[in-house]
Structure formats: structure tokens, C-alpha cells
Amino acid sequence: MGNAFAGRIYVVAATRNGQTEFWAAATPRKTSAVAVQQLLPAGWMAVPTGWRLTPEKVAELNMSANSVRKLK
């Protein structure tokens, strides 16, 4: 797991017209919503949540620093 991010991964909610998607951001909390927002189409709004991922889920995602991924 040489590429795994050792820091925290924040969960960000992206919403549009009553639709919600959840994203994982391996970024500092203060930039997590901005990192997700940059990947969203126009009309979507990203906000950080207070949710925490389990250590198992973090390991499963195998994210590198400053990466963003949509959660399933």
C-alpha cells in the first residue's frame, strides 16, 4: 500500500435538485468541498459532512493525497 494516504479522508455531500451524491476527499478539511466542487457539473453544490469513514473503508479506498473519489 505504498500509495495509500495516511491522513484523514473527508466525506463531502454534493447536491442538486434534491439529488445527493457522496464523495471522499483526501485533502485538508478546509479544501475538501472545493476539491469536489471542481469535479462537479454546473448546478451542483458541495459541502463537507461530519461523517467519518472507518479505517477499513479508508484502506479499501486506497486514495493518494489530494485525490477525490465518488463513493458508491
N, C-alpha and C. Protein backbone atom coordinates (compact mmCIF):
# COMPACT_ATOMS: atom_id res chain seq x y z
N MET A 1 0.82 -1.18 0.00
CA MET A 1 0.00 0.00 0.00
C MET A 1 0.86 1.25 0.00
N GLY A 2 1.85 1.34 -0.83
CA GLY A 2 2.74 2.47 -0.88
C GLY A 2 2.06 3.77 -1.26
N ASN A 3 0.96 3.72 -2.00
CA ASN A 3 0.27 4.93 -2.43
C ASN A 3 -0.83 5.36 -1.48
N ALA A 4 -1.12 4.60 -0.47
CA ALA A 4 -2.24 4.90 0.42
C ALA A 4 -1.98 6.21 1.16
N PHE A 5 -3.02 6.98 1.34
CA PHE A 5 -2.97 8.25 2.03
C PHE A 5 -3.11 7.99 3.52
N ALA A 6 -2.16 8.44 4.32
CA ALA A 6 -2.18 8.16 5.75
C ALA A 6 -3.02 9.15 6.54
N GLY A 7 -3.37 10.28 5.93
CA GLY A 7 -4.15 11.30 6.63
C GLY A 7 -5.63 10.98 6.64
N ARG A 8 -6.41 11.97 6.95
CA ARG A 8 -7.86 11.78 7.00
C ARG A 8 -8.49 11.93 5.63
N ILE A 9 -9.59 11.22 5.47
CA ILE A 9 -10.40 11.35 4.26
C ILE A 9 -11.75 11.87 4.71
N TYR A 10 -12.16 12.99 4.12
CA TYR A 10 -13.40 13.64 4.50
C TYR A 10 -14.51 13.28 3.52
N VAL A 11 -15.72 13.16 4.04
CA VAL A 11 -16.89 12.88 3.21
C VAL A 11 -17.57 14.21 2.89
N VAL A 12 -17.82 14.41 1.60
CA VAL A 12 -18.44 15.64 1.10
C VAL A 12 -19.76 15.26 0.43
N ALA A 13 -20.81 16.01 0.73
CA ALA A 13 -22.11 15.80 0.08
C ALA A 13 -22.24 16.78 -1.08
N ALA A 14 -22.61 16.27 -2.24
CA ALA A 14 -22.87 17.09 -3.42
C ALA A 14 -24.36 16.99 -3.71
N THR A 15 -25.03 18.13 -3.84
CA THR A 15 -26.48 18.12 -4.05
C THR A 15 -26.87 19.00 -5.24
N ARG A 16 -27.99 18.58 -5.84
CA ARG A 16 -28.60 19.35 -6.93
C ARG A 16 -30.03 18.87 -7.09
N ASN A 17 -30.98 19.78 -7.02
CA ASN A 17 -32.40 19.46 -7.24
C ASN A 17 -32.88 18.25 -6.43
N GLY A 18 -32.54 18.19 -5.16
CA GLY A 18 -32.99 17.09 -4.31
C GLY A 18 -32.20 15.81 -4.46
N GLN A 19 -31.22 15.79 -5.33
CA GLN A 19 -30.36 14.63 -5.56
C GLN A 19 -29.09 14.81 -4.74
N THR A 20 -28.60 13.76 -4.10
CA THR A 20 -27.37 13.85 -3.31
C THR A 20 -26.41 12.72 -3.68
N GLU A 21 -25.16 13.10 -3.82
CA GLU A 21 -24.07 12.14 -4.03
C GLU A 21 -23.05 12.37 -2.92
N PHE A 22 -22.33 11.33 -2.56
CA PHE A 22 -21.31 11.47 -1.54
C PHE A 22 -19.94 11.19 -2.14
N TRP A 23 -18.99 12.01 -1.76
CA TRP A 23 -17.63 11.94 -2.29
C TRP A 23 -16.64 11.83 -1.15
N ALA A 24 -15.51 11.19 -1.40
CA ALA A 24 -14.41 11.12 -0.44
C ALA A 24 -13.31 12.05 -0.95
N ALA A 25 -12.77 12.86 -0.03
CA ALA A 25 -11.70 13.79 -0.39
C ALA A 25 -10.52 13.58 0.55
N ALA A 26 -9.38 13.21 -0.01
CA ALA A 26 -8.15 13.02 0.77
C ALA A 26 -7.39 14.34 0.73
N THR A 27 -8.02 15.35 1.29
CA THR A 27 -7.49 16.71 1.31
C THR A 27 -7.67 17.26 2.72
N PRO A 28 -7.09 18.41 3.00
CA PRO A 28 -7.43 19.06 4.27
C PRO A 28 -8.93 19.37 4.29
N ARG A 29 -9.55 19.33 5.47
CA ARG A 29 -10.99 19.57 5.59
C ARG A 29 -11.40 20.90 4.96
N LYS A 30 -10.60 21.93 5.17
CA LYS A 30 -10.99 23.26 4.68
C LYS A 30 -11.03 23.34 3.15
N THR A 31 -10.39 22.41 2.45
CA THR A 31 -10.42 22.43 0.98
C THR A 31 -11.18 21.25 0.38
N SER A 32 -11.75 20.40 1.22
CA SER A 32 -12.42 19.19 0.72
C SER A 32 -13.60 19.51 -0.19
N ALA A 33 -14.45 20.45 0.19
CA ALA A 33 -15.61 20.80 -0.64
C ALA A 33 -15.18 21.45 -1.95
N VAL A 34 -14.15 22.28 -1.90
CA VAL A 34 -13.64 22.93 -3.12
C VAL A 34 -13.10 21.88 -4.09
N ALA A 35 -12.37 20.90 -3.56
CA ALA A 35 -11.80 19.85 -4.41
C ALA A 35 -12.90 19.06 -5.12
N VAL A 36 -13.98 18.76 -4.41
CA VAL A 36 -15.11 18.05 -5.01
C VAL A 36 -15.84 18.96 -5.99
N GLN A 37 -16.09 20.20 -5.61
CA GLN A 37 -16.83 21.15 -6.44
C GLN A 37 -16.19 21.29 -7.82
N GLN A 38 -14.87 21.23 -7.88
CA GLN A 38 -14.16 21.36 -9.15
C GLN A 38 -14.48 20.22 -10.12
N LEU A 39 -14.93 19.09 -9.61
CA LEU A 39 -15.25 17.94 -10.46
C LEU A 39 -16.73 17.84 -10.83
N LEU A 40 -17.55 18.68 -10.22
CA LEU A 40 -18.99 18.59 -10.43
C LEU A 40 -19.45 19.46 -11.59
N PRO A 41 -20.51 19.03 -12.29
CA PRO A 41 -21.09 19.87 -13.33
C PRO A 41 -21.75 21.10 -12.71
N ALA A 42 -22.02 22.08 -13.53
CA ALA A 42 -22.69 23.30 -13.07
C ALA A 42 -24.03 22.94 -12.42
N GLY A 43 -24.37 23.68 -11.36
CA GLY A 43 -25.62 23.46 -10.68
C GLY A 43 -25.51 22.60 -9.43
N TRP A 44 -24.40 21.94 -9.24
CA TRP A 44 -24.18 21.11 -8.06
C TRP A 44 -23.50 21.95 -6.98
N MET A 45 -23.80 21.65 -5.71
CA MET A 45 -23.19 22.34 -4.58
C MET A 45 -22.56 21.31 -3.66
N ALA A 46 -21.30 21.52 -3.29
CA ALA A 46 -20.58 20.58 -2.42
C ALA A 46 -20.39 21.19 -1.04
N VAL A 47 -20.67 20.39 0.00
CA VAL A 47 -20.46 20.81 1.39
C VAL A 47 -19.89 19.64 2.18
N PRO A 48 -18.93 19.92 3.05
CA PRO A 48 -18.38 18.84 3.87
C PRO A 48 -19.42 18.34 4.87
N THR A 49 -19.36 17.06 5.17
CA THR A 49 -20.24 16.48 6.19
C THR A 49 -19.42 16.22 7.45
N GLY A 50 -20.05 15.80 8.50
CA GLY A 50 -19.34 15.43 9.71
C GLY A 50 -19.08 13.93 9.79
N TRP A 51 -19.38 13.23 8.72
CA TRP A 51 -19.22 11.77 8.71
C TRP A 51 -17.76 11.37 8.69
N ARG A 52 -17.49 10.25 9.33
CA ARG A 52 -16.13 9.70 9.33
C ARG A 52 -16.16 8.30 8.74
N LEU A 53 -15.16 8.01 7.95
CA LEU A 53 -15.04 6.67 7.37
C LEU A 53 -14.31 5.76 8.34
N THR A 54 -14.68 4.51 8.34
CA THR A 54 -13.98 3.53 9.18
C THR A 54 -12.56 3.34 8.64
N PRO A 55 -11.65 2.93 9.48
CA PRO A 55 -10.29 2.64 8.99
C PRO A 55 -10.30 1.60 7.87
N GLU A 56 -11.23 0.64 7.93
CA GLU A 56 -11.34 -0.37 6.88
C GLU A 56 -11.74 0.26 5.55
N LYS A 57 -12.70 1.19 5.59
CA LYS A 57 -13.15 1.86 4.36
C LYS A 57 -12.05 2.74 3.78
N VAL A 58 -11.31 3.43 4.66
CA VAL A 58 -10.19 4.26 4.20
C VAL A 58 -9.16 3.39 3.49
N ALA A 59 -8.84 2.25 4.08
CA ALA A 59 -7.87 1.33 3.46
C ALA A 59 -8.39 0.79 2.13
N GLU A 60 -9.68 0.49 2.09
CA GLU A 60 -10.30 -0.03 0.86
C GLU A 60 -10.24 0.99 -0.27
N LEU A 61 -10.43 2.27 0.05
CA LEU A 61 -10.40 3.31 -0.98
C LEU A 61 -9.01 3.50 -1.56
N ASN A 62 -7.96 3.27 -0.74
CA ASN A 62 -6.58 3.36 -1.21
C ASN A 62 -6.32 4.65 -1.98
N MET A 63 -6.71 5.77 -1.39
CA MET A 63 -6.58 7.06 -2.06
C MET A 63 -5.22 7.69 -1.78
N SER A 64 -4.71 8.41 -2.77
CA SER A 64 -3.47 9.15 -2.57
C SER A 64 -3.83 10.57 -2.11
N ALA A 65 -2.87 11.25 -1.56
CA ALA A 65 -3.08 12.60 -1.05
C ALA A 65 -3.63 13.52 -2.16
N ASN A 66 -4.55 14.40 -1.79
CA ASN A 66 -5.16 15.39 -2.69
C ASN A 66 -6.00 14.78 -3.78
N SER A 67 -6.49 13.56 -3.58
CA SER A 67 -7.36 12.95 -4.56
C SER A 67 -8.81 12.99 -4.07
N VAL A 68 -9.73 12.85 -5.01
CA VAL A 68 -11.16 12.88 -4.74
C VAL A 68 -11.81 11.72 -5.48
N ARG A 69 -12.79 11.08 -4.82
CA ARG A 69 -13.44 9.93 -5.44
C ARG A 69 -14.91 9.90 -5.01
N LYS A 70 -15.78 9.59 -5.96
CA LYS A 70 -17.21 9.43 -5.67
C LYS A 70 -17.40 8.13 -4.92
N LEU A 71 -18.18 8.18 -3.84
CA LEU A 71 -18.48 6.98 -3.07
C LEU A 71 -19.69 6.28 -3.67
N LYS A 72 -19.70 4.98 -3.58
CA LYS A 72 -20.81 4.18 -4.10
C LYS A 72 -21.74 3.80 -2.99
